[in-house]
Every structure is written in C-alpha cells, then in structure tokens.
C-alpha atoms as a PDB file:
ATOM      1  CA  MET A   1       1.196  23.012  41.203  1.00  0.00           C
ATOM      2  CA  ALA A   2       1.096  24.145  37.609  1.00  0.00           C
ATOM      3  CA  LEU A   3      -1.967  26.103  36.558  1.00  0.00           C
ATOM      4  CA  TYR A   4      -3.505  25.992  33.157  1.00  0.00           C
ATOM      5  CA  LEU A   5      -3.955  29.325  31.709  1.00  0.00           C
ATOM      6  CA  LEU A   6      -2.371  27.412  28.835  1.00  0.00           C
ATOM      7  CA  PRO A   7      -0.993  28.400  25.429  1.00  0.00           C
ATOM      8  CA  SER A   8      -3.476  28.461  22.618  1.00  0.00           C
ATOM      9  CA  LEU A   9      -2.263  25.130  21.230  1.00  0.00           C
ATOM     10  CA  LEU A  10      -3.369  23.414  24.419  1.00  0.00           C
ATOM     11  CA  LEU A  11      -6.303  25.438  25.576  1.00  0.00           C
ATOM     12  CA  LEU A  12      -9.347  27.042  24.052  1.00  0.00           C
ATOM     13  CA  MET A  13     -10.771  29.788  26.200  1.00  0.00           C
ATOM     14  CA  THR A  14     -13.919  31.643  25.259  1.00  0.00           C
ATOM     15  CA  LYS A  15     -15.449  34.549  27.140  1.00  0.00           C
ATOM     16  CA  ALA A  16     -18.518  35.148  25.021  1.00  0.00           C
ATOM     17  CA  SER A  17     -21.713  33.193  24.780  1.00  0.00           C
ATOM     18  CA  ALA A  18     -25.328  33.744  23.952  1.00  0.00           C
ATOM     19  CA  GLN A  19     -26.087  32.931  27.582  1.00  0.00           C
ATOM     20  CA  PRO A  20     -25.962  36.172  29.613  1.00  0.00           C
ATOM     21  CA  ASN A  21     -24.516  34.463  32.686  1.00  0.00           C
ATOM     22  CA  PHE A  22     -21.813  32.511  30.885  1.00  0.00           C
ATOM     23  CA  ILE A  23     -18.300  32.983  32.293  1.00  0.00           C
ATOM     24  CA  SER A  24     -15.888  30.829  30.308  1.00  0.00           C
ATOM     25  CA  HIS A  25     -15.101  27.354  29.059  1.00  0.00           C
ATOM     26  CA  LEU A  26     -11.928  25.350  28.545  1.00  0.00           C
ATOM     27  CA  CYS A  27     -11.267  22.476  26.155  1.00  0.00           C
ATOM     28  CA  LEU A  28      -8.428  20.460  27.656  1.00  0.00           C
ATOM     29  CA  TYR A  29      -6.534  19.099  24.703  1.00  0.00           C
ATOM     30  CA  LYS A  30      -3.821  17.488  26.811  1.00  0.00           C
ATOM     31  CA  THR A  31      -6.276  14.803  27.992  1.00  0.00           C
ATOM     32  CA  GLY A  32      -6.681  13.634  24.418  1.00  0.00           C
ATOM     33  CA  ASN A  33      -9.358  13.367  21.759  1.00  0.00           C
ATOM     34  CA  PHE A  34     -11.950  10.733  20.961  1.00  0.00           C
ATOM     35  CA  ILE A  35     -13.180   9.566  17.584  1.00  0.00           C
ATOM     36  CA  PRO A  36     -16.832   9.512  16.477  1.00  0.00           C
ATOM     37  CA  ASN A  37     -18.692   6.266  17.112  1.00  0.00           C
ATOM     38  CA  SER A  38     -16.113   5.203  19.707  1.00  0.00           C
ATOM     39  CA  THR A  39     -17.042   3.478  22.959  1.00  0.00           C
ATOM     40  CA  PHE A  40     -15.866   6.500  24.933  1.00  0.00           C
ATOM     41  CA  LYS A  41     -18.118   8.793  22.887  1.00  0.00           C
ATOM     42  CA  ALA A  42     -21.111   6.548  23.623  1.00  0.00           C
ATOM     43  CA  ASN A  43     -20.252   6.505  27.325  1.00  0.00           C
ATOM     44  CA  LEU A  44     -19.825  10.281  27.403  1.00  0.00           C
ATOM     45  CA  ASP A  45     -23.175  10.775  25.674  1.00  0.00           C
ATOM     46  CA  HIS A  46     -24.779   8.522  28.275  1.00  0.00           C
ATOM     47  CA  VAL A  47     -23.216  10.447  31.152  1.00  0.00           C
ATOM     48  CA  LEU A  48     -24.165  13.849  29.774  1.00  0.00           C
ATOM     49  CA  SER A  49     -27.709  12.801  28.900  1.00  0.00           C
ATOM     50  CA  SER A  50     -28.141  11.819  32.546  1.00  0.00           C
ATOM     51  CA  VAL A  51     -27.045  15.168  33.970  1.00  0.00           C
ATOM     52  CA  THR A  52     -30.569  16.308  34.824  1.00  0.00           C
ATOM     53  CA  THR A  53     -32.562  13.111  34.423  1.00  0.00           C
ATOM     54  CA  ASN A  54     -33.249   9.919  36.322  1.00  0.00           C
ATOM     55  CA  GLY A  55     -33.144  11.704  39.671  1.00  0.00           C
ATOM     56  CA  LYS A  56     -29.372  12.052  39.484  1.00  0.00           C
ATOM     57  CA  LEU A  57     -29.426  15.800  40.152  1.00  0.00           C
ATOM     58  CA  GLU A  58     -29.709  16.010  43.933  1.00  0.00           C
ATOM     59  CA  ASN A  59     -29.457  19.292  45.823  1.00  0.00           C
ATOM     60  CA  GLY A  60     -27.865  20.944  42.822  1.00  0.00           C
ATOM     61  CA  PHE A  61     -25.001  18.425  42.649  1.00  0.00           C
ATOM     62  CA  TYR A  62     -24.354  15.772  40.021  1.00  0.00           C
ATOM     63  CA  ARG A  63     -21.569  13.207  39.837  1.00  0.00           C
ATOM     64  CA  PHE A  64     -21.788  10.235  37.489  1.00  0.00           C
ATOM     65  CA  SER A  65     -19.454   7.822  35.710  1.00  0.00           C
ATOM     66  CA  TYR A  66     -20.119   5.217  33.059  1.00  0.00           C
ATOM     67  CA  GLY A  67     -17.964   2.683  31.259  1.00  0.00           C
ATOM     68  CA  GLN A  68     -14.803   0.757  31.969  1.00  0.00           C
ATOM     69  CA  ASN A  69     -11.075   1.470  31.970  1.00  0.00           C
ATOM     70  CA  SER A  70      -9.900   3.965  29.344  1.00  0.00           C
ATOM     71  CA  ASP A  71     -13.420   4.225  27.900  1.00  0.00           C
ATOM     72  CA  ARG A  72     -14.895   5.383  31.204  1.00  0.00           C
ATOM     73  CA  ALA A  73     -16.544   8.813  31.100  1.00  0.00           C
ATOM     74  CA  ASN A  74     -16.891  10.936  34.239  1.00  0.00           C
ATOM     75  CA  ALA A  75     -18.874  14.105  34.860  1.00  0.00           C
ATOM     76  CA  VAL A  76     -19.452  16.532  37.716  1.00  0.00           C
ATOM     77  CA  GLY A  77     -22.041  19.299  37.772  1.00  0.00           C
ATOM     78  CA  LEU A  78     -22.784  21.820  40.504  1.00  0.00           C
ATOM     79  CA  CYS A  79     -25.234  24.694  40.926  1.00  0.00           C
ATOM     80  CA  ARG A  80     -25.222  27.453  43.494  1.00  0.00           C
ATOM     81  CA  PRO A  81     -27.508  26.328  46.338  1.00  0.00           C
ATOM     82  CA  GLU A  82     -29.982  29.189  46.045  1.00  0.00           C
ATOM     83  CA  ILE A  83     -30.705  28.404  42.400  1.00  0.00           C
ATOM     84  CA  LYS A  84     -34.142  26.879  41.793  1.00  0.00           C
ATOM     85  CA  LEU A  85     -34.170  23.307  40.558  1.00  0.00           C
ATOM     86  CA  ASP A  86     -35.534  24.138  37.115  1.00  0.00           C
ATOM     87  CA  ALA A  87     -32.944  26.904  36.662  1.00  0.00           C
ATOM     88  CA  CYS A  88     -30.219  24.515  37.806  1.00  0.00           C
ATOM     89  CA  GLN A  89     -31.337  21.913  35.285  1.00  0.00           C
ATOM     90  CA  SER A  90     -31.483  24.529  32.547  1.00  0.00           C
ATOM     91  CA  CYS A  91     -28.002  25.813  33.371  1.00  0.00           C
ATOM     92  CA  LEU A  92     -26.470  22.340  33.288  1.00  0.00           C
ATOM     93  CA  ASN A  93     -28.257  21.512  30.039  1.00  0.00           C
ATOM     94  CA  ASP A  94     -26.902  24.735  28.539  1.00  0.00           C
ATOM     95  CA  SER A  95     -23.441  23.651  29.700  1.00  0.00           C
ATOM     96  CA  VAL A  96     -23.801  20.276  27.986  1.00  0.00           C
ATOM     97  CA  ARG A  97     -24.843  21.905  24.717  1.00  0.00           C
ATOM     98  CA  LEU A  98     -22.082  24.505  24.823  1.00  0.00           C
ATOM     99  CA  LEU A  99     -19.244  22.163  25.752  1.00  0.00           C
ATOM    100  CA  THR A 100     -20.125  19.442  23.258  1.00  0.00           C
ATOM    101  CA  LYS A 101     -20.377  22.078  20.524  1.00  0.00           C
ATOM    102  CA  ARG A 102     -17.178  23.957  21.326  1.00  0.00           C
ATOM    103  CA  CYS A 103     -15.125  20.950  22.423  1.00  0.00           C
ATOM    104  CA  PRO A 104     -16.537  18.412  19.949  1.00  0.00           C
ATOM    105  CA  ASN A 105     -13.735  15.837  20.122  1.00  0.00           C
ATOM    106  CA  GLN A 106     -12.011  16.523  23.440  1.00  0.00           C
ATOM    107  CA  LYS A 107     -12.143  13.963  26.225  1.00  0.00           C
ATOM    108  CA  GLU A 108     -12.107  16.694  28.857  1.00  0.00           C
ATOM    109  CA  ALA A 109     -13.872  20.043  29.060  1.00  0.00           C
ATOM    110  CA  ILE A 110     -15.168  22.378  31.731  1.00  0.00           C
ATOM    111  CA  GLY A 111     -17.573  25.297  31.571  1.00  0.00           C
ATOM    112  CA  TRP A 112     -18.588  27.886  34.152  1.00  0.00           C
ATOM    113  CA  TYR A 113     -21.780  29.901  34.303  1.00  0.00           C
ATOM    114  CA  GLU A 114     -22.850  32.286  37.060  1.00  0.00           C
ATOM    115  CA  ASN A 115     -25.320  29.675  38.279  1.00  0.00           C
ATOM    116  CA  CYS A 116     -23.493  26.395  37.662  1.00  0.00           C
ATOM    117  CA  PHE A 117     -20.521  24.600  36.251  1.00  0.00           C
ATOM    118  CA  LEU A 118     -20.010  21.299  34.423  1.00  0.00           C
ATOM    119  CA  HIS A 119     -16.811  19.261  34.095  1.00  0.00           C
ATOM    120  CA  TYR A 120     -16.372  16.006  32.223  1.00  0.00           C
ATOM    121  CA  SER A 121     -13.286  13.912  31.581  1.00  0.00           C
ATOM    122  CA  SER A 122     -11.900  10.492  30.777  1.00  0.00           C
ATOM    123  CA  SER A 123      -9.857  10.877  33.984  1.00  0.00           C
ATOM    124  CA  SER A 124     -11.319  10.188  37.404  1.00  0.00           C
ATOM    125  CA  LEU A 125     -12.979  13.196  39.045  1.00  0.00           C
ATOM    126  CA  SER A 126     -14.015  11.479  42.275  1.00  0.00           C
ATOM    127  CA  ASN A 127     -13.198  12.850  45.711  1.00  0.00           C
ATOM    128  CA  GLN A 128     -10.159  14.761  44.577  1.00  0.00           C
ATOM    129  CA  MET A 129      -9.256  18.417  44.915  1.00  0.00           C
ATOM    130  CA  HIS A 130      -8.235  20.125  41.683  1.00  0.00           C
ATOM    131  CA  ILE A 131      -7.303  23.804  41.395  1.00  0.00           C
ATOM    132  CA  SER A 132      -6.362  23.494  37.764  1.00  0.00           C
ATOM    133  CA  PRO A 133      -7.466  24.260  35.161  1.00  0.00           C
ATOM    134  CA  MET A 134      -8.137  27.713  36.532  1.00  0.00           C
ATOM    135  CA  PHE A 135      -9.971  30.650  35.003  1.00  0.00           C
ATOM    136  CA  ARG A 136      -9.638  34.176  36.389  1.00  0.00           C
ATOM    137  CA  THR A 137     -11.716  37.303  35.953  1.00  0.00           C
ATOM    138  CA  GLN A 138     -10.772  40.793  37.106  1.00  0.00           C
ATOM    139  CA  SER A 139     -12.217  44.259  36.616  1.00  0.00           C
ATOM    140  CA  THR A 140     -10.042  47.137  35.504  1.00  0.00           C
ATOM    141  CA  LYS A 141     -11.727  49.501  37.947  1.00  0.00           C
ATOM    142  CA  ASN A 142     -10.068  49.731  41.352  1.00  0.00           C
ATOM    143  CA  ALA A 143     -11.704  50.224  44.719  1.00  0.00           C
ATOM    144  CA  THR A 144     -11.195  53.442  46.631  1.00  0.00           C
ATOM    145  CA  ASN A 145      -9.363  53.507  49.958  1.00  0.00           C
ATOM    146  CA  THR A 146      -7.325  50.531  48.853  1.00  0.00           C
ATOM    147  CA  ASP A 147      -5.670  49.659  52.168  1.00  0.00           C
ATOM    148  CA  GLN A 148      -8.992  49.339  53.962  1.00  0.00           C
ATOM    149  CA  PHE A 149     -10.536  47.512  51.008  1.00  0.00           C
ATOM    150  CA  ILE A 150      -7.808  44.867  50.981  1.00  0.00           C
ATOM    151  CA  ARG A 151      -7.964  44.429  54.744  1.00  0.00           C
ATOM    152  CA  ASN A 152     -11.747  44.118  54.832  1.00  0.00           C
ATOM    153  CA  LEU A 153     -11.893  41.830  51.797  1.00  0.00           C
ATOM    154  CA  ARG A 154      -9.418  39.470  53.435  1.00  0.00           C
ATOM    155  CA  ILE A 155     -11.559  39.328  56.576  1.00  0.00           C
ATOM    156  CA  LEU A 156     -14.726  38.700  54.563  1.00  0.00           C
ATOM    157  CA  LEU A 157     -13.258  35.968  52.378  1.00  0.00           C
ATOM    158  CA  ASN A 158     -11.628  34.139  55.273  1.00  0.00           C
ATOM    159  CA  SER A 159     -14.914  34.195  57.179  1.00  0.00           C
ATOM    160  CA  LEU A 160     -16.767  32.801  54.169  1.00  0.00           C
ATOM    161  CA  LYS A 161     -14.095  30.144  53.656  1.00  0.00           C
ATOM    162  CA  ASN A 162     -14.496  28.942  57.234  1.00  0.00           C
ATOM    163  CA  LYS A 163     -18.293  28.754  56.919  1.00  0.00           C
ATOM    164  CA  ALA A 164     -18.213  26.981  53.568  1.00  0.00           C
ATOM    165  CA  SER A 165     -15.577  24.445  54.615  1.00  0.00           C
ATOM    166  CA  LEU A 166     -17.667  23.370  57.578  1.00  0.00           C
ATOM    167  CA  GLY A 167     -20.832  23.112  55.492  1.00  0.00           C
ATOM    168  CA  ASP A 168     -22.603  26.331  56.501  1.00  0.00           C
ATOM    169  CA  HIS A 169     -25.874  25.149  54.947  1.00  0.00           C
ATOM    170  CA  GLY A 170     -25.572  21.577  56.131  1.00  0.00           C
ATOM    171  CA  SER A 171     -23.572  18.721  54.674  1.00  0.00           C
ATOM    172  CA  LEU A 172     -25.384  19.123  51.341  1.00  0.00           C
ATOM    173  CA  HIS A 173     -23.539  22.348  50.522  1.00  0.00           C
ATOM    174  CA  LYS A 174     -20.102  23.809  51.012  1.00  0.00           C
ATOM    175  CA  TYR A 175     -21.056  27.376  50.189  1.00  0.00           C
ATOM    176  CA  ALA A 176     -21.141  30.759  51.872  1.00  0.00           C
ATOM    177  CA  ALA A 177     -21.981  34.273  50.713  1.00  0.00           C
ATOM    178  CA  GLY A 178     -21.955  37.665  52.378  1.00  0.00           C
ATOM    179  CA  ASN A 179     -20.997  41.303  52.069  1.00  0.00           C
ATOM    180  CA  MET A 180     -18.977  44.046  53.694  1.00  0.00           C
ATOM    181  CA  SER A 181     -19.820  47.728  53.876  1.00  0.00           C
ATOM    182  CA  SER A 182     -18.600  50.889  55.564  1.00  0.00           C
ATOM    183  CA  SER A 183     -18.988  54.631  55.266  1.00  0.00           C
ATOM    184  CA  GLU A 184     -15.635  54.817  53.456  1.00  0.00           C
ATOM    185  CA  LEU A 185     -16.237  51.965  51.001  1.00  0.00           C
ATOM    186  CA  GLU A 186     -19.066  50.851  48.777  1.00  0.00           C
ATOM    187  CA  THR A 187     -20.547  47.461  49.579  1.00  0.00           C
ATOM    188  CA  THR A 188     -18.716  44.418  48.258  1.00  0.00           C
ATOM    189  CA  TYR A 189     -20.555  41.106  47.807  1.00  0.00           C
ATOM    190  CA  ALA A 190     -18.691  37.807  47.790  1.00  0.00           C
ATOM    191  CA  LEU A 191     -19.355  34.097  47.617  1.00  0.00           C
ATOM    192  CA  VAL A 192     -17.259  30.952  47.847  1.00  0.00           C
ATOM    193  CA  GLN A 193     -18.205  27.382  46.963  1.00  0.00           C
ATOM    194  CA  CYS A 194     -16.610  23.930  47.015  1.00  0.00           C
ATOM    195  CA  LEU A 195     -17.774  20.606  45.679  1.00  0.00           C
ATOM    196  CA  PRO A 196     -19.967  19.226  48.469  1.00  0.00           C
ATOM    197  CA  ASP A 197     -18.176  15.879  48.619  1.00  0.00           C
ATOM    198  CA  LEU A 198     -14.819  17.436  49.449  1.00  0.00           C
ATOM    199  CA  THR A 199     -13.743  17.044  53.055  1.00  0.00           C
ATOM    200  CA  PRO A 200     -13.719  20.214  55.183  1.00  0.00           C
ATOM    201  CA  GLN A 201      -9.926  20.249  54.955  1.00  0.00           C
ATOM    202  CA  GLN A 202      -9.956  19.814  51.177  1.00  0.00           C
ATOM    203  CA  CYS A 203     -12.419  22.691  50.817  1.00  0.00           C
ATOM    204  CA  ASP A 204     -10.339  24.893  53.105  1.00  0.00           C
ATOM    205  CA  ASP A 205      -7.159  24.029  51.203  1.00  0.00           C
ATOM    206  CA  CYS A 206      -8.789  24.653  47.828  1.00  0.00           C
ATOM    207  CA  LEU A 207     -10.142  28.063  48.787  1.00  0.00           C
ATOM    208  CA  SER A 208      -6.907  29.054  50.520  1.00  0.00           C
ATOM    209  CA  SER A 209      -5.000  28.177  47.347  1.00  0.00           C
ATOM    210  CA  ILE A 210      -7.171  30.214  45.024  1.00  0.00           C
ATOM    211  CA  PHE A 211      -7.331  33.199  47.392  1.00  0.00           C
ATOM    212  CA  LYS A 212      -3.579  33.518  46.794  1.00  0.00           C
ATOM    213  CA  LYS A 213      -4.292  33.945  43.081  1.00  0.00           C
ATOM    214  CA  LEU A 214      -6.660  36.882  43.542  1.00  0.00           C
ATOM    215  CA  PRO A 215      -5.383  40.301  42.450  1.00  0.00           C
ATOM    216  CA  SER A 216      -3.022  41.720  45.054  1.00  0.00           C
ATOM    217  CA  CYS A 217      -4.603  45.135  44.591  1.00  0.00           C
ATOM    218  CA  CYS A 218      -7.359  46.418  44.306  1.00  0.00           C
ATOM    219  CA  SER A 219      -9.940  45.380  41.721  1.00  0.00           C
ATOM    220  CA  GLN A 220     -13.562  46.114  42.578  1.00  0.00           C
ATOM    221  CA  SER A 221     -14.474  42.673  41.283  1.00  0.00           C
ATOM    222  CA  ALA A 222     -12.599  39.454  40.650  1.00  0.00           C
ATOM    223  CA  GLY A 223     -13.226  35.741  40.462  1.00  0.00           C
ATOM    224  CA  ILE A 224     -11.310  32.499  40.316  1.00  0.00           C
ATOM    225  CA  PHE A 225     -12.988  29.358  39.032  1.00  0.00           C
ATOM    226  CA  THR A 226     -11.546  25.833  39.298  1.00  0.00           C
ATOM    227  CA  PRO A 227     -12.963  22.286  39.081  1.00  0.00           C
ATOM    228  CA  SER A 228     -13.212  21.972  42.880  1.00  0.00           C
ATOM    229  CA  CYS A 229     -13.899  25.441  44.259  1.00  0.00           C
ATOM    230  CA  LEU A 230     -14.487  29.045  43.335  1.00  0.00           C
ATOM    231  CA  VAL A 231     -14.477  32.558  44.729  1.00  0.00           C
ATOM    232  CA  ASN A 232     -16.204  35.582  43.254  1.00  0.00           C
ATOM    233  CA  TYR A 233     -16.705  39.139  44.518  1.00  0.00           C
ATOM    234  CA  LYS A 234     -18.376  42.189  42.999  1.00  0.00           C
ATOM    235  CA  PRO A 235     -19.670  45.638  44.016  1.00  0.00           C
ATOM    236  CA  THR A 236     -23.205  44.574  43.038  1.00  0.00           C
ATOM    237  CA  ARG A 237     -25.289  41.790  44.542  1.00  0.00           C
ATOM    238  CA  PHE A 238     -25.225  38.686  42.336  1.00  0.00           C
ATOM    239  CA  PHE A 239     -26.656  35.975  44.608  1.00  0.00           C
ATOM    240  CA  ASP A 240     -29.864  35.355  46.523  1.00  0.00           C
ATOM    241  CA  SER A 241     -30.703  33.896  49.902  1.00  0.00           C
ATOM    242  CA  VAL A 242     -30.186  30.198  50.486  1.00  0.00           C
ATOM    243  CA  THR A 243     -32.330  27.474  51.961  1.00  0.00           C
ATOM    244  CA  ASP A 244     -30.708  24.483  53.626  1.00  0.00           C
ATOM    245  CA  ASP A 245     -32.237  21.857  51.348  1.00  0.00           C
ATOM    246  CA  GLY A 246     -30.701  22.532  47.957  1.00  0.00           C
ATOM    247  CA  PRO A 247     -32.130  24.291  44.915  1.00  0.00           C
ATOM    248  CA  THR A 248     -35.563  25.546  45.883  1.00  0.00           C
ATOM    249  CA  THR A 249     -38.749  25.049  43.915  1.00  0.00           C
ATOM    250  CA  SER A 250     -40.529  27.940  45.643  1.00  0.00           C
ATOM    251  CA  SER A 251     -40.422  31.594  44.708  1.00  0.00           C
ATOM    252  CA  THR A 252     -39.416  32.790  48.163  1.00  0.00           C
ATOM    253  CA  VAL A 253     -36.436  31.742  50.245  1.00  0.00           C
ATOM    254  CA  HIS A 254     -35.355  32.897  53.684  1.00  0.00           C
ATOM    255  CA  LYS A 255     -32.004  33.010  55.387  1.00  0.00           C
ATOM    256  CA  SER A 256     -30.992  34.222  58.807  1.00  0.00           C
ATOM    257  CA  ARG A 257     -28.105  36.679  58.738  1.00  0.00           C
ATOM    258  CA  ALA A 258     -25.306  37.230  61.173  1.00  0.00           C
ATOM    259  CA  ALA A 259     -24.005  40.799  61.118  1.00  0.00           C
ATOM    260  CA  LYS A 260     -20.591  41.619  62.539  1.00  0.00           C
ATOM    261  CA  ARG A 261     -19.064  45.027  63.018  1.00  0.00           C
ATOM    262  CA  MET A 262     -15.306  45.447  63.074  1.00  0.00           C
ATOM    263  CA  GLY A 263     -14.412  49.061  63.556  1.00  0.00           C
ATOM    264  CA  ARG A 264     -16.623  51.012  61.189  1.00  0.00           C
ATOM    265  CA  THR A 265     -17.038  48.118  58.754  1.00  0.00           C
ATOM    266  CA  LYS A 266     -20.118  45.902  58.793  1.00  0.00           C
ATOM    267  CA  PHE A 267     -19.873  42.294  57.641  1.00  0.00           C
ATOM    268  CA  ILE A 268     -23.032  40.304  56.849  1.00  0.00           C
ATOM    269  CA  LEU A 269     -22.436  36.563  56.533  1.00  0.00           C
END
C-alpha cells in the first residue's frame, strides 16, 4: 500500500503550531478542492461545527457525515481516553480552526495533536482501516544498549497492541499504554490507539502495519500517526491513567496496573 509522505505539490506538512501539543497536519490535495459558497462547503461547515456540540462527542470519539453524493462531508475525531472532556473538546476545536485555516479549500485534511486528531474528507471514512496518509516522528538521540532496547520495545509494543485490539478499556476504547524499565535502560513509555469502531482484527492489522514503519534502530522516541491508528513512544511519561468510561470530568483517575518481569526488565501495562 502506498504511503503518503508525498511531494510538496501534493502534500502540505507543517510541524509548527502555536499549540504546544501540536504534532502535524496534512492537506490532501489529491482528493480535490471545493469552491466558496458550494454545497460541499456548507456541508463541511455543518459537520465541523458539530464536532463538540449536540452531544455528538461521546467517550472522546466523534464520527459524523452530512450531505448527499459528491457533496457529502465526513469527519472523524478522536481523543486519548484519559483526556478530560473539556480538554478533548478544546483539542478538537483547535483542530477545526487549524485545518480550515491551513487547508482552506481542500476537501480532505487531517491534523494530529498529542491529545486528539481530526480527519475530514469528501470520501467515506466509515468502518475502514487506513494507514495512509502517514506522519512519522523520530528523535535523533539513540538509546543505549541497543540490542536490549529493540528486544524490549518489541515486547512492550506487541503487548500493548494485543490489549488495545481487544478493547483493554472496554468496547468504548481501543487503547493501551505502558512502560518498560531495567537497570541497563532508562524507562520507555509507549501508547497505541485505534479508532474504537474498528474490529479487533482491523486494529491489530493497523498497528502491525505501522510497527513495521518504526525506526529499525534505535531512536529513544518515535511515533507513527495514521487516520486509523497510532503508536508513540518516548523516554518521558506523556500520558495519564485511564478510566473505563471515556474522557473524565474529574480531576483524579485511577487505573489498576499489571507488572510483568522478563529477565531483568519490568513491563507495566
């Protein structure tokens, strides 16, 4: 399957934003452009204005379509499950503002933040697995003890993939996060997430596909972000605990942890 890290004539990629947790955005020119005052533009405005209103944001997940045939606008939004509802709404609203400003005439765009992502298109986005377009991040600093790092990272990510695919936090979320640590390596934190309406097999396939695109060796941090799933790992903690009922409105959340030791490495999932 072809991946879009596309030439500049087809793709606009931006790494900087006023938002501190912004990752990147893509304007997908190949899908086509719309003209002002068109029916599609009105339908897209309706879809995007509904992202965090009218009770459509449930458990940090939003999927909505409006219009008919070629004028139909479709949007998907997703927050990490530990993100509070107000922060989730704010993140998605920031995504709407950023994408409509930076992709003002494109029928398809996608933006990723640390806390959420938003994807809209004139093409159907329903119940399909997409690993493109794909955005990748990678640090230039390598881990020490590279052989052990690679081995342990593979174990951690595969464990998280299995938990997320099966809906570790109930059917509302396909998400898992954890860390690995040992006396020879600094702690590495990782999370994976799929769209919650993917089947377990689709989630597993999506994560398996993007794992193959991770650096072969030996970046301390890396991430791959697609419309259907993502993986991200860093040497610093960048996620919180998760409740089983979606973005929380309380200031305290709790999560039971399962700790596994393999050799001298400790995995917390």
